[in-house]
Structure formats: structure tokens, C-alpha cells
Amino acid sequence: MKKSELEDLITTVETLRKQKFQNMDRKFIEEVIRAEEENPEDDGEAFRRIKDALEGCLADKGVE
């Protein structure tokens, strides 16, 4: 995916998040999109990055 297409996807998802899921963390959603984009053939690495992003998001909110 081209950088502009990736940014368009992130912008679109962010618009939907603001409209319907304001409580979801923007940074976490962006990290999920980037993890999937950067690891299309490596599900294990994508999963690890998503897990790390989720743990970071929860830690920021004081959840262990």
C-alpha cells in the first residue's frame, strides 16, 4: 500500500472512531493498522506489535 493510501485509511478509520467509538484509543487503532500494513506475510510479528500496542494503551490508562 502506498503511503498516501495508508494515510487515507488511517484518516477514514479515525473519522469513524470519532463518530462511533470515541472511547477507543486513536493511537492503538493506528498501531494496529500499521502493524498489519508492515507485516502482511508475518502474522506472528503483526500480532506481537498489536499486543505491545494494547499493553501500552492499557498501561497508559493504569490497567495492568
Protein backbone atom coordinates (compact mmCIF):
# COMPACT_ATOMS: atom_id res chain seq x y z
CA MET A 1 0.00 0.00 0.00
CA LYS A 2 1.30 3.44 -0.87
CA LYS A 3 1.95 5.89 1.94
CA SER A 4 -0.89 8.14 0.76
CA GLU A 5 -3.30 5.18 0.70
CA LEU A 6 -2.22 4.19 4.21
CA GLU A 7 -2.72 7.73 5.47
CA ASP A 8 -6.15 7.85 3.77
CA LEU A 9 -7.10 4.60 5.52
CA ILE A 10 -5.94 5.92 8.89
CA THR A 11 -7.86 9.17 8.32
CA THR A 12 -11.03 7.30 7.39
CA VAL A 13 -10.80 4.98 10.38
CA GLU A 14 -10.14 7.97 12.64
CA THR A 15 -13.27 9.70 11.31
CA LEU A 16 -15.33 6.60 12.10
CA ARG A 17 -13.72 6.28 15.53
CA LYS A 18 -14.66 9.87 16.38
CA GLN A 19 -18.25 9.31 15.23
CA LYS A 20 -18.95 5.93 16.79
CA PHE A 21 -16.20 4.85 19.17
CA GLN A 22 -14.89 7.93 20.97
CA ASN A 23 -13.64 5.82 23.88
CA MET A 24 -11.28 3.78 21.68
CA ASP A 25 -7.69 4.95 21.76
CA ARG A 26 -6.65 6.62 18.50
CA LYS A 27 -3.01 5.66 18.88
CA PHE A 28 -3.88 1.99 19.44
CA ILE A 29 -6.02 1.84 16.30
CA GLU A 30 -3.28 3.47 14.25
CA GLU A 31 -0.72 0.99 15.61
CA VAL A 32 -2.98 -1.93 14.61
CA ILE A 33 -3.31 -0.58 11.07
CA ARG A 34 0.44 -0.03 10.78
CA ALA A 35 1.29 -3.45 12.23
CA GLU A 36 -0.92 -5.14 9.66
CA GLU A 37 0.40 -2.99 6.81
CA GLU A 38 4.05 -3.54 7.67
CA ASN A 39 3.72 -7.30 8.24
CA PRO A 40 1.36 -8.67 5.57
CA GLU A 41 3.08 -12.06 5.47
CA ASP A 42 4.15 -12.32 9.10
CA ASP A 43 1.11 -12.78 11.30
CA GLY A 44 3.28 -13.52 14.32
CA GLU A 45 5.09 -10.19 14.10
CA ALA A 46 1.86 -8.29 13.43
CA PHE A 47 0.26 -9.99 16.45
CA ARG A 48 3.28 -9.16 18.63
CA ARG A 49 3.14 -5.49 17.63
CA ILE A 50 -0.61 -5.32 18.23
CA LYS A 51 -0.17 -6.99 21.63
CA ASP A 52 2.57 -4.50 22.53
CA ALA A 53 0.36 -1.60 21.43
CA LEU A 54 -2.55 -2.91 23.50
CA GLU A 55 -0.36 -3.38 26.56
CA GLY A 56 0.99 0.15 26.13
CA CYS A 57 -2.50 1.57 25.78
CA LEU A 58 -3.68 -0.23 28.91
CA ALA A 59 -0.59 0.86 30.85
CA ASP A 60 -1.26 4.48 29.86
CA LYS A 61 -4.73 4.09 31.36
CA GLY A 62 -3.39 2.46 34.54
CA VAL A 63 -4.69 -1.02 33.72
CA GLU A 64 -2.41 -3.99 34.21
